[in-house]
Amino acid sequence: LVDFGVSAKQNATLQKRDTFTGNPYWMEPEVVCQAKYDYLADVWSLGITLIEMAEMLPPLAKVHPMRALFMIPSAPSPQLKDKQRWSQHMHEFLSCCLEKSPDKGPGALRLL
């Protein structure tokens, strides 16, 4: 799943971006705070997309987008609402995807 309307080409593996474009509901806290970010922002978006697929809406979908921008950096990482419905592996995977500390965030290889 990808939205090429807000994509950008990175020429180097460790290159960081600082643009602020797109729908806030899938934005990593670093992106919202306009800090430098890298491909790990896509891992966060993957976690949000999984929640959206499981619950039919992304977290904060019922909140105005501008309010969501203020809530994302300060609120705890989103979780699935119905804990019993999903496996422990799903919860652990989401927890890894939605890690707020950039130095602890997993790369794609760790998630596999």
Protein backbone atom coordinates (compact mmCIF):
# COMPACT_ATOMS: atom_id res chain seq x y z
CA LEU A 1 0.00 0.00 0.00
CA VAL A 2 1.42 3.34 -0.95
CA ASP A 3 0.34 6.88 -1.63
CA PHE A 4 2.68 8.19 -4.33
CA GLY A 5 1.06 11.61 -4.05
CA VAL A 6 3.21 12.27 -1.01
CA SER A 7 6.25 10.14 -1.83
CA ALA A 8 9.82 11.29 -2.33
CA LYS A 9 12.92 9.69 -3.77
CA GLN A 10 15.83 9.25 -1.39
CA ASN A 11 19.24 8.86 -3.00
CA ALA A 12 21.06 7.55 0.06
CA THR A 13 20.10 4.86 2.56
CA LEU A 14 20.67 7.08 5.59
CA GLN A 15 19.19 10.21 4.05
CA LYS A 16 16.72 12.10 6.23
CA ARG A 17 13.81 14.26 5.13
CA ASP A 18 12.02 17.13 6.81
CA THR A 19 8.97 17.70 4.62
CA PHE A 20 5.49 17.89 6.06
CA THR A 21 2.86 16.68 3.60
CA GLY A 22 0.06 14.18 3.82
CA ASN A 23 -2.73 12.95 6.00
CA PRO A 24 -1.89 13.42 9.71
CA TYR A 25 -3.57 10.21 10.88
CA TRP A 26 -0.70 8.10 9.49
CA MET A 27 2.13 10.50 10.37
CA GLU A 28 4.90 9.45 12.73
CA PRO A 29 5.38 11.77 15.72
CA GLU A 30 8.74 12.97 14.33
CA VAL A 31 7.08 14.00 11.08
CA VAL A 32 4.36 15.89 12.97
CA CYS A 33 7.04 17.67 15.03
CA GLN A 34 8.88 18.51 11.79
CA ALA A 35 12.04 16.77 12.93
CA LYS A 36 14.36 14.98 10.50
CA TYR A 37 13.04 11.51 9.71
CA ASP A 38 13.92 8.54 7.53
CA TYR A 39 12.35 5.32 6.25
CA LEU A 40 11.27 4.35 9.78
CA ALA A 41 8.39 6.80 9.37
CA ASP A 42 7.01 4.26 6.89
CA VAL A 43 7.15 1.57 9.60
CA TRP A 44 4.94 3.78 11.80
CA SER A 45 2.51 4.26 8.89
CA LEU A 46 2.41 0.48 8.41
CA GLY A 47 1.31 0.08 12.04
CA ILE A 48 -1.41 2.69 11.60
CA THR A 49 -2.55 0.97 8.40
CA LEU A 50 -2.78 -2.37 10.23
CA ILE A 51 -5.00 -0.78 12.86
CA GLU A 52 -7.09 0.74 10.08
CA MET A 53 -7.47 -2.66 8.40
CA ALA A 54 -8.42 -4.33 11.69
CA GLU A 55 -10.82 -1.67 12.94
CA MET A 56 -11.99 -0.06 9.67
CA LEU A 57 -10.62 3.37 10.74
CA PRO A 58 -7.17 4.65 11.66
CA PRO A 59 -6.61 5.85 15.23
CA LEU A 60 -7.92 9.38 15.83
CA ALA A 61 -10.09 9.21 12.69
CA LYS A 62 -12.98 10.80 14.55
CA VAL A 63 -10.79 13.70 15.68
CA HIS A 64 -10.32 16.81 13.51
CA PRO A 65 -7.01 16.55 11.60
CA MET A 66 -5.58 19.68 13.25
CA ARG A 67 -6.33 18.28 16.71
CA ALA A 68 -4.79 14.95 15.67
CA LEU A 69 -1.57 16.80 14.83
CA PHE A 70 -1.33 17.95 18.44
CA MET A 71 -2.32 14.58 19.89
CA ILE A 72 0.03 12.28 17.94
CA PRO A 73 3.32 13.43 19.54
CA SER A 74 1.98 13.58 23.10
CA ALA A 75 -0.48 10.67 23.31
CA PRO A 76 0.68 7.09 23.92
CA SER A 77 1.19 4.94 20.83
CA PRO A 78 -2.10 3.64 19.42
CA GLN A 79 -3.23 0.09 20.18
CA LEU A 80 -6.00 -2.18 18.98
CA LYS A 81 -9.23 -1.57 20.87
CA ASP A 82 -10.40 -5.19 21.13
CA LYS A 83 -7.36 -6.92 22.65
CA GLN A 84 -9.02 -10.36 22.77
CA ARG A 85 -9.80 -10.40 19.06
CA TRP A 86 -6.17 -10.29 17.92
CA SER A 87 -3.19 -12.56 18.57
CA GLN A 88 -0.31 -11.72 20.87
CA HIS A 89 1.91 -11.69 17.75
CA MET A 90 -0.28 -8.98 16.20
CA HIS A 91 -0.05 -6.85 19.35
CA GLU A 92 3.74 -7.31 19.51
CA PHE A 93 4.14 -6.45 15.82
CA LEU A 94 2.07 -3.29 16.26
CA SER A 95 4.04 -2.35 19.35
CA CYS A 96 7.25 -2.56 17.31
CA CYS A 97 5.78 -0.58 14.40
CA LEU A 98 4.41 2.13 16.69
CA GLU A 99 7.56 2.71 18.75
CA LYS A 100 7.77 6.45 19.46
CA SER A 101 11.47 6.52 20.28
CA PRO A 102 13.28 6.81 16.93
CA ASP A 103 16.45 5.12 18.18
CA LYS A 104 14.40 2.05 19.21
CA GLY A 105 12.25 1.83 16.09
CA PRO A 106 12.65 -1.39 14.12
CA GLY A 107 13.63 -1.61 10.51
CA ALA A 108 11.83 -3.81 8.02
CA LEU A 109 14.26 -6.72 8.55
CA ARG A 110 13.53 -6.83 12.28
CA LEU A 111 9.79 -6.83 11.62
CA LEU A 112 10.12 -9.77 9.22
